[in-house]
Amino acid sequence: MIAEVAMLGMGQPDVIPLWFGEGDEPTPSFICEAAARAMAAGETFYTFVLGIPPLRAALARYETGLHAKPVDAGRVVVTSSGMQGFF
């Protein structure tokens, strides 16, 4: 399945190829700093299966603004990878 998706997007200038392994862009410093603060605060254990509620709500607001259609946070799931999302 993922190979079929990759073949459709390969060579498309507007497609960022994130379908295999990890990307070749470094993690932005603001994300690294936020991760370090979270770990220092003890946020190192398993969390909500569907994702942290404030993050899901923020993503729902973003999607709502992006598409001008309401997206409820209950429809947003945060996974650690695309393949985990498929499963």
PDB file of N, CA and C in Angstrom:
ATOM      1  N   MET A   1       0.823  -1.188   0.000  1.00  0.00           N
ATOM      2  CA  MET A   1       0.000   0.000   0.000  1.00  0.00           C
ATOM      3  C   MET A   1       0.873   1.260   0.000  1.00  0.00           C
ATOM      4  N   ILE A   2       1.854   1.343   0.886  1.00  0.00           N
ATOM      5  CA  ILE A   2       2.680   2.543   0.970  1.00  0.00           C
ATOM      6  C   ILE A   2       3.503   2.721  -0.305  1.00  0.00           C
ATOM      7  N   ALA A   3       3.899   1.612  -0.930  1.00  0.00           N
ATOM      8  CA  ALA A   3       4.663   1.706  -2.171  1.00  0.00           C
ATOM      9  C   ALA A   3       3.810   2.313  -3.274  1.00  0.00           C
ATOM     10  N   GLU A   4       2.526   1.973  -3.310  1.00  0.00           N
ATOM     11  CA  GLU A   4       1.631   2.532  -4.325  1.00  0.00           C
ATOM     12  C   GLU A   4       1.482   4.042  -4.135  1.00  0.00           C
ATOM     13  N   VAL A   5       1.341   4.474  -2.893  1.00  0.00           N
ATOM     14  CA  VAL A   5       1.228   5.902  -2.592  1.00  0.00           C
ATOM     15  C   VAL A   5       2.517   6.614  -2.990  1.00  0.00           C
ATOM     16  N   ALA A   6       3.638   6.014  -2.658  1.00  0.00           N
ATOM     17  CA  ALA A   6       4.930   6.610  -2.987  1.00  0.00           C
ATOM     18  C   ALA A   6       5.103   6.769  -4.489  1.00  0.00           C
ATOM     19  N   MET A   7       4.712   5.763  -5.239  1.00  0.00           N
ATOM     20  CA  MET A   7       4.875   5.827  -6.695  1.00  0.00           C
ATOM     21  C   MET A   7       4.030   6.947  -7.300  1.00  0.00           C
ATOM     22  N   LEU A   8       2.845   7.193  -6.737  1.00  0.00           N
ATOM     23  CA  LEU A   8       1.996   8.269  -7.241  1.00  0.00           C
ATOM     24  C   LEU A   8       2.617   9.647  -6.985  1.00  0.00           C
ATOM     25  N   GLY A   9       3.308   9.776  -5.854  1.00  0.00           N
ATOM     26  CA  GLY A   9       3.866  11.071  -5.489  1.00  0.00           C
ATOM     27  C   GLY A   9       5.277  11.320  -5.949  1.00  0.00           C
ATOM     28  N   MET A  10       6.009  10.258  -6.278  1.00  0.00           N
ATOM     29  CA  MET A  10       7.409  10.399  -6.646  1.00  0.00           C
ATOM     30  C   MET A  10       7.582  11.314  -7.854  1.00  0.00           C
ATOM     31  N   GLY A  11       8.476  12.273  -7.731  1.00  0.00           N
ATOM     32  CA  GLY A  11       8.767  13.184  -8.820  1.00  0.00           C
ATOM     33  C   GLY A  11       7.830  14.384  -8.894  1.00  0.00           C
ATOM     34  N   GLN A  12       6.806  14.412  -8.042  1.00  0.00           N
ATOM     35  CA  GLN A  12       5.881  15.545  -8.020  1.00  0.00           C
ATOM     36  C   GLN A  12       6.541  16.684  -7.246  1.00  0.00           C
ATOM     37  N   PRO A  13       6.705  17.854  -7.831  1.00  0.00           N
ATOM     38  CA  PRO A  13       7.432  18.940  -7.166  1.00  0.00           C
ATOM     39  C   PRO A  13       6.752  19.468  -5.899  1.00  0.00           C
ATOM     40  N   ASP A  14       5.437  19.306  -5.779  1.00  0.00           N
ATOM     41  CA  ASP A  14       4.716  19.819  -4.603  1.00  0.00           C
ATOM     42  C   ASP A  14       4.554  18.788  -3.503  1.00  0.00           C
ATOM     43  N   VAL A  15       5.120  17.604  -3.666  1.00  0.00           N
ATOM     44  CA  VAL A  15       4.975  16.528  -2.684  1.00  0.00           C
ATOM     45  C   VAL A  15       6.273  16.385  -1.895  1.00  0.00           C
ATOM     46  N   ILE A  16       6.156  16.439  -0.578  1.00  0.00           N
ATOM     47  CA  ILE A  16       7.315  16.218   0.295  1.00  0.00           C
ATOM     48  C   ILE A  16       7.392  14.721   0.557  1.00  0.00           C
ATOM     49  N   PRO A  17       8.464  14.044   0.166  1.00  0.00           N
ATOM     50  CA  PRO A  17       8.536  12.585   0.263  1.00  0.00           C
ATOM     51  C   PRO A  17       8.822  12.090   1.686  1.00  0.00           C
ATOM     52  N   LEU A  18       7.760  11.888   2.447  1.00  0.00           N
ATOM     53  CA  LEU A  18       7.909  11.401   3.820  1.00  0.00           C
ATOM     54  C   LEU A  18       7.418   9.959   3.959  1.00  0.00           C
ATOM     55  N   TRP A  19       7.336   9.244   2.856  1.00  0.00           N
ATOM     56  CA  TRP A  19       6.737   7.918   2.911  1.00  0.00           C
ATOM     57  C   TRP A  19       7.693   6.817   3.321  1.00  0.00           C
ATOM     58  N   PHE A  20       8.991   6.993   3.228  1.00  0.00           N
ATOM     59  CA  PHE A  20       9.943   5.951   3.619  1.00  0.00           C
ATOM     60  C   PHE A  20      10.874   6.478   4.691  1.00  0.00           C
ATOM     61  N   GLY A  21      10.988   5.756   5.783  1.00  0.00           N
ATOM     62  CA  GLY A  21      11.941   6.131   6.817  1.00  0.00           C
ATOM     63  C   GLY A  21      11.737   7.537   7.322  1.00  0.00           C
ATOM     64  N   GLU A  22      12.811   8.252   7.489  1.00  0.00           N
ATOM     65  CA  GLU A  22      12.719   9.621   7.990  1.00  0.00           C
ATOM     66  C   GLU A  22      13.153  10.610   6.919  1.00  0.00           C
ATOM     67  N   GLY A  23      12.673  11.828   7.062  1.00  0.00           N
ATOM     68  CA  GLY A  23      13.012  12.858   6.094  1.00  0.00           C
ATOM     69  C   GLY A  23      14.470  13.275   6.194  1.00  0.00           C
ATOM     70  N   ASP A  24      14.898  14.106   5.258  1.00  0.00           N
ATOM     71  CA  ASP A  24      16.286  14.565   5.262  1.00  0.00           C
ATOM     72  C   ASP A  24      16.416  15.999   5.767  1.00  0.00           C
ATOM     73  N   GLU A  25      15.326  16.536   6.317  1.00  0.00           N
ATOM     74  CA  GLU A  25      15.363  17.883   6.890  1.00  0.00           C
ATOM     75  C   GLU A  25      15.651  17.771   8.389  1.00  0.00           C
ATOM     76  N   PRO A  26      16.545  18.596   8.933  1.00  0.00           N
ATOM     77  CA  PRO A  26      16.806  18.542  10.377  1.00  0.00           C
ATOM     78  C   PRO A  26      15.594  19.051  11.159  1.00  0.00           C
ATOM     79  N   THR A  27      15.448  18.579  12.366  1.00  0.00           N
ATOM     80  CA  THR A  27      14.356  19.033  13.230  1.00  0.00           C
ATOM     81  C   THR A  27      14.597  20.492  13.598  1.00  0.00           C
ATOM     82  N   PRO A  28      13.592  21.363  13.402  1.00  0.00           N
ATOM     83  CA  PRO A  28      13.765  22.781  13.743  1.00  0.00           C
ATOM     84  C   PRO A  28      14.090  22.965  15.225  1.00  0.00           C
ATOM     85  N   SER A  29      14.868  23.983  15.534  1.00  0.00           N
ATOM     86  CA  SER A  29      15.329  24.206  16.906  1.00  0.00           C
ATOM     87  C   SER A  29      14.172  24.414  17.882  1.00  0.00           C
ATOM     88  N   PHE A  30      13.069  25.062  17.456  1.00  0.00           N
ATOM     89  CA  PHE A  30      11.975  25.281  18.401  1.00  0.00           C
ATOM     90  C   PHE A  30      11.330  23.961  18.819  1.00  0.00           C
ATOM     91  N   ILE A  31      11.364  22.956  17.944  1.00  0.00           N
ATOM     92  CA  ILE A  31      10.828  21.645  18.305  1.00  0.00           C
ATOM     93  C   ILE A  31      11.791  20.934  19.264  1.00  0.00           C
ATOM     94  N   CYS A  32      13.087  21.005  18.982  1.00  0.00           N
ATOM     95  CA  CYS A  32      14.080  20.398  19.876  1.00  0.00           C
ATOM     96  C   CYS A  32      14.007  21.016  21.270  1.00  0.00           C
ATOM     97  N   GLU A  33      13.874  22.323  21.315  1.00  0.00           N
ATOM     98  CA  GLU A  33      13.806  23.016  22.607  1.00  0.00           C
ATOM     99  C   GLU A  33      12.535  22.634  23.358  1.00  0.00           C
ATOM    100  N   ALA A  34      11.411  22.540  22.663  1.00  0.00           N
ATOM    101  CA  ALA A  34      10.158  22.141  23.307  1.00  0.00           C
ATOM    102  C   ALA A  34      10.253  20.711  23.830  1.00  0.00           C
ATOM    103  N   ALA A  35      10.886  19.827  23.061  1.00  0.00           N
ATOM    104  CA  ALA A  35      11.055  18.442  23.502  1.00  0.00           C
ATOM    105  C   ALA A  35      11.930  18.372  24.749  1.00  0.00           C
ATOM    106  N   ALA A  36      13.011  19.151  24.778  1.00  0.00           N
ATOM    107  CA  ALA A  36      13.899  19.168  25.947  1.00  0.00           C
ATOM    108  C   ALA A  36      13.150  19.688  27.176  1.00  0.00           C
ATOM    109  N   ARG A  37      12.343  20.737  27.014  1.00  0.00           N
ATOM    110  CA  ARG A  37      11.554  21.261  28.143  1.00  0.00           C
ATOM    111  C   ARG A  37      10.561  20.218  28.642  1.00  0.00           C
ATOM    112  N   ALA A  38       9.907  19.515  27.715  1.00  0.00           N
ATOM    113  CA  ALA A  38       8.933  18.492  28.103  1.00  0.00           C
ATOM    114  C   ALA A  38       9.615  17.360  28.873  1.00  0.00           C
ATOM    115  N   MET A  39      10.779  16.923  28.413  1.00  0.00           N
ATOM    116  CA  MET A  39      11.493  15.853  29.120  1.00  0.00           C
ATOM    117  C   MET A  39      11.959  16.321  30.490  1.00  0.00           C
ATOM    118  N   ALA A  40      12.450  17.554  30.579  1.00  0.00           N
ATOM    119  CA  ALA A  40      12.881  18.095  31.872  1.00  0.00           C
ATOM    120  C   ALA A  40      11.713  18.203  32.848  1.00  0.00           C
ATOM    121  N   ALA A  41      10.504  18.391  32.309  1.00  0.00           N
ATOM    122  CA  ALA A  41       9.308  18.492  33.148  1.00  0.00           C
ATOM    123  C   ALA A  41       8.760  17.113  33.522  1.00  0.00           C
ATOM    124  N   GLY A  42       9.425  16.049  33.072  1.00  0.00           N
ATOM    125  CA  GLY A  42       9.008  14.697  33.433  1.00  0.00           C
ATOM    126  C   GLY A  42       7.999  14.074  32.487  1.00  0.00           C
ATOM    127  N   GLU A  43       7.784  14.686  31.350  1.00  0.00           N
ATOM    128  CA  GLU A  43       6.826  14.151  30.392  1.00  0.00           C
ATOM    129  C   GLU A  43       7.506  13.093  29.522  1.00  0.00           C
ATOM    130  N   THR A  44       7.805  11.951  30.163  1.00  0.00           N
ATOM    131  CA  THR A  44       8.554  10.893  29.493  1.00  0.00           C
ATOM    132  C   THR A  44       7.824   9.553  29.521  1.00  0.00           C
ATOM    133  N   PHE A  45       6.548   9.560  29.872  1.00  0.00           N
ATOM    134  CA  PHE A  45       5.794   8.317  29.989  1.00  0.00           C
ATOM    135  C   PHE A  45       4.734   8.239  28.907  1.00  0.00           C
ATOM    136  N   TYR A  46       4.150   7.071  28.761  1.00  0.00           N
ATOM    137  CA  TYR A  46       3.060   6.919  27.794  1.00  0.00           C
ATOM    138  C   TYR A  46       1.969   7.928  28.082  1.00  0.00           C
ATOM    139  N   THR A  47       1.278   8.330  27.050  1.00  0.00           N
ATOM    140  CA  THR A  47       0.225   9.321  27.180  1.00  0.00           C
ATOM    141  C   THR A  47      -1.046   8.800  26.536  1.00  0.00           C
ATOM    142  N   PHE A  48      -1.970   9.665  26.255  1.00  0.00           N
ATOM    143  CA  PHE A  48      -3.245   9.291  25.653  1.00  0.00           C
ATOM    144  C   PHE A  48      -3.009   8.574  24.317  1.00  0.00           C
ATOM    145  N   VAL A  49      -3.757   7.513  24.079  1.00  0.00           N
ATOM    146  CA  VAL A  49      -3.593   6.720  22.865  1.00  0.00           C
ATOM    147  C   VAL A  49      -3.850   7.550  21.603  1.00  0.00           C
ATOM    148  N   LEU A  50      -4.821   8.431  21.648  1.00  0.00           N
ATOM    149  CA  LEU A  50      -5.166   9.228  20.466  1.00  0.00           C
ATOM    150  C   LEU A  50      -4.353  10.516  20.353  1.00  0.00           C
ATOM    151  N   GLY A  51      -3.507  10.783  21.345  1.00  0.00           N
ATOM    152  CA  GLY A  51      -2.726  12.015  21.345  1.00  0.00           C
ATOM    153  C   GLY A  51      -3.140  12.925  22.486  1.00  0.00           C
ATOM    154  N   ILE A  52      -2.283  13.845  22.861  1.00  0.00           N
ATOM    155  CA  ILE A  52      -2.550  14.777  23.955  1.00  0.00           C
ATOM    156  C   ILE A  52      -3.704  15.699  23.546  1.00  0.00           C
ATOM    157  N   PRO A  53      -4.754  15.794  24.374  1.00  0.00           N
ATOM    158  CA  PRO A  53      -5.935  16.589  24.005  1.00  0.00           C
ATOM    159  C   PRO A  53      -5.643  18.023  23.553  1.00  0.00           C
ATOM    160  N   PRO A  54      -4.756  18.787  24.222  1.00  0.00           N
ATOM    161  CA  PRO A  54      -4.503  20.155  23.724  1.00  0.00           C
ATOM    162  C   PRO A  54      -3.897  20.168  22.312  1.00  0.00           C
ATOM    163  N   LEU A  55      -3.059  19.182  21.993  1.00  0.00           N
ATOM    164  CA  LEU A  55      -2.483  19.102  20.646  1.00  0.00           C
ATOM    165  C   LEU A  55      -3.567  18.759  19.633  1.00  0.00           C
ATOM    166  N   ARG A  56      -4.434  17.828  19.973  1.00  0.00           N
ATOM    167  CA  ARG A  56      -5.521  17.457  19.070  1.00  0.00           C
ATOM    168  C   ARG A  56      -6.445  18.647  18.819  1.00  0.00           C
ATOM    169  N   ALA A  57      -6.723  19.417  19.874  1.00  0.00           N
ATOM    170  CA  ALA A  57      -7.582  20.601  19.723  1.00  0.00           C
ATOM    171  C   ALA A  57      -6.908  21.652  18.835  1.00  0.00           C
ATOM    172  N   ALA A  58      -5.605  21.851  19.033  1.00  0.00           N
ATOM    173  CA  ALA A  58      -4.872  22.825  18.216  1.00  0.00           C
ATOM    174  C   ALA A  58      -4.848  22.397  16.753  1.00  0.00           C
ATOM    175  N   LEU A  59      -4.651  21.111  16.499  1.00  0.00           N
ATOM    176  CA  LEU A  59      -4.648  20.617  15.124  1.00  0.00           C
ATOM    177  C   LEU A  59      -6.031  20.747  14.495  1.00  0.00           C
ATOM    178  N   ALA A  60      -7.078  20.523  15.277  1.00  0.00           N
ATOM    179  CA  ALA A  60      -8.440  20.678  14.759  1.00  0.00           C
ATOM    180  C   ALA A  60      -8.694  22.138  14.377  1.00  0.00           C
ATOM    181  N   ARG A  61      -8.243  23.067  15.212  1.00  0.00           N
ATOM    182  CA  ARG A  61      -8.402  24.495  14.882  1.00  0.00           C
ATOM    183  C   ARG A  61      -7.628  24.842  13.612  1.00  0.00           C
ATOM    184  N   TYR A  62      -6.419  24.320  13.512  1.00  0.00           N
ATOM    185  CA  TYR A  62      -5.599  24.581  12.326  1.00  0.00           C
ATOM    186  C   TYR A  62      -6.290  24.050  11.068  1.00  0.00           C
ATOM    187  N   GLU A  63      -6.753  22.813  11.120  1.00  0.00           N
ATOM    188  CA  GLU A  63      -7.429  22.217   9.963  1.00  0.00           C
ATOM    189  C   GLU A  63      -8.706  22.972   9.621  1.00  0.00           C
ATOM    190  N   THR A  64      -9.429  23.400  10.641  1.00  0.00           N
ATOM    191  CA  THR A  64     -10.650  24.173  10.414  1.00  0.00           C
ATOM    192  C   THR A  64     -10.328  25.456   9.648  1.00  0.00           C
ATOM    193  N   GLY A  65      -9.294  26.153  10.057  1.00  0.00           N
ATOM    194  CA  GLY A  65      -8.895  27.381   9.378  1.00  0.00           C
ATOM    195  C   GLY A  65      -8.342  27.123   7.991  1.00  0.00           C
ATOM    196  N   LEU A  66      -7.621  26.037   7.858  1.00  0.00           N
ATOM    197  CA  LEU A  66      -6.988  25.707   6.580  1.00  0.00           C
ATOM    198  C   LEU A  66      -8.022  25.384   5.506  1.00  0.00           C
ATOM    199  N   HIS A  67      -9.051  24.653   5.898  1.00  0.00           N
ATOM    200  CA  HIS A  67     -10.024  24.172   4.922  1.00  0.00           C
ATOM    201  C   HIS A  67     -11.371  24.899   4.995  1.00  0.00           C
ATOM    202  N   ALA A  68     -11.499  25.847   5.931  1.00  0.00           N
ATOM    203  CA  ALA A  68     -12.751  26.592   6.108  1.00  0.00           C
ATOM    204  C   ALA A  68     -13.944  25.667   6.318  1.00  0.00           C
ATOM    205  N   LYS A  69     -13.680  24.521   6.934  1.00  0.00           N
ATOM    206  CA  LYS A  69     -14.729  23.567   7.308  1.00  0.00           C
ATOM    207  C   LYS A  69     -14.425  23.128   8.728  1.00  0.00           C
ATOM    208  N   PRO A  70     -15.439  23.078   9.585  1.00  0.00           N
ATOM    209  CA  PRO A  70     -15.163  22.702  10.972  1.00  0.00           C
ATOM    210  C   PRO A  70     -14.638  21.270  11.106  1.00  0.00           C
ATOM    211  N   VAL A  71     -13.560  21.140  11.853  1.00  0.00           N
ATOM    212  CA  VAL A  71     -12.994  19.834  12.174  1.00  0.00           C
ATOM    213  C   VAL A  71     -13.020  19.713  13.691  1.00  0.00           C
ATOM    214  N   ASP A  72     -13.715  18.709  14.186  1.00  0.00           N
ATOM    215  CA  ASP A  72     -13.808  18.476  15.622  1.00  0.00           C
ATOM    216  C   ASP A  72     -12.561  17.749  16.110  1.00  0.00           C
ATOM    217  N   ALA A  73     -12.076  18.109  17.288  1.00  0.00           N
ATOM    218  CA  ALA A  73     -10.882  17.466  17.848  1.00  0.00           C
ATOM    219  C   ALA A  73     -11.076  15.963  18.018  1.00  0.00           C
ATOM    220  N   GLY A  74     -12.317  15.521  18.156  1.00  0.00           N
ATOM    221  CA  GLY A  74     -12.597  14.092  18.273  1.00  0.00           C
ATOM    222  C   GLY A  74     -12.276  13.309  17.011  1.00  0.00           C
ATOM    223  N   ARG A  75     -12.104  14.028  15.896  1.00  0.00           N
ATOM    224  CA  ARG A  75     -11.747  13.366  14.646  1.00  0.00           C
ATOM    225  C   ARG A  75     -10.250  13.400  14.378  1.00  0.00           C
ATOM    226  N   VAL A  76      -9.476  13.977  15.293  1.00  0.00           N
ATOM    227  CA  VAL A  76      -8.027  14.110  15.115  1.00  0.00           C
ATOM    228  C   VAL A  76      -7.314  13.066  15.961  1.00  0.00           C
ATOM    229  N   VAL A  77      -6.395  12.342  15.343  1.00  0.00           N
ATOM    230  CA  VAL A  77      -5.580  11.345  16.037  1.00  0.00           C
ATOM    231  C   VAL A  77      -4.122  11.664  15.737  1.00  0.00           C
ATOM    232  N   VAL A  78      -3.294  11.679  16.767  1.00  0.00           N
ATOM    233  CA  VAL A  78      -1.862  11.945  16.604  1.00  0.00           C
ATOM    234  C   VAL A  78      -1.122  10.627  16.771  1.00  0.00           C
ATOM    235  N   THR A  79      -0.364  10.249  15.749  1.00  0.00           N
ATOM    236  CA  THR A  79       0.415   9.001  15.806  1.00  0.00           C
ATOM    237  C   THR A  79       1.902   9.323  15.767  1.00  0.00           C
ATOM    238  N   SER A  80       2.702   8.329  16.063  1.00  0.00           N
ATOM    239  CA  SER A  80       4.149   8.543  16.029  1.00  0.00           C
ATOM    240  C   SER A  80       4.719   8.350  14.626  1.00  0.00           C
ATOM    241  N   SER A  81       3.915   7.793  13.728  1.00  0.00           N
ATOM    242  CA  SER A  81       4.387   7.595  12.356  1.00  0.00           C
ATOM    243  C   SER A  81       3.205   7.310  11.441  1.00  0.00           C
ATOM    244  N   GLY A  82       3.436   7.460  10.169  1.00  0.00           N
ATOM    245  CA  GLY A  82       2.386   7.162   9.203  1.00  0.00           C
ATOM    246  C   GLY A  82       2.007   5.690   9.209  1.00  0.00           C
ATOM    247  N   MET A  83       2.994   4.826   9.318  1.00  0.00           N
ATOM    248  CA  MET A  83       2.698   3.385   9.326  1.00  0.00           C
ATOM    249  C   MET A  83       1.889   3.010  10.566  1.00  0.00           C
ATOM    250  N   GLN A  84       2.186   3.623  11.713  1.00  0.00           N
ATOM    251  CA  GLN A  84       1.392   3.343  12.913  1.00  0.00           C
ATOM    252  C   GLN A  84      -0.047   3.806  12.674  1.00  0.00           C
ATOM    253  N   GLY A  85      -0.210   4.919  11.970  1.00  0.00           N
ATOM    254  CA  GLY A  85      -1.537   5.400  11.642  1.00  0.00           C
ATOM    255  C   GLY A  85      -2.306   4.410  10.787  1.00  0.00           C
ATOM    256  N   PHE A  86      -1.633   3.762   9.848  1.00  0.00           N
ATOM    257  CA  PHE A  86      -2.295   2.760   9.015  1.00  0.00           C
ATOM    258  C   PHE A  86      -2.790   1.591   9.856  1.00  0.00           C
ATOM    259  N   PHE A  87      -1.951   1.179  10.824  1.00  0.00           N
ATOM    260  CA  PHE A  87      -2.325   0.043  11.657  1.00  0.00           C
ATOM    261  C   PHE A  87      -3.447   0.413  12.594  1.00  0.00           C
TER     262      PHE A  87
END
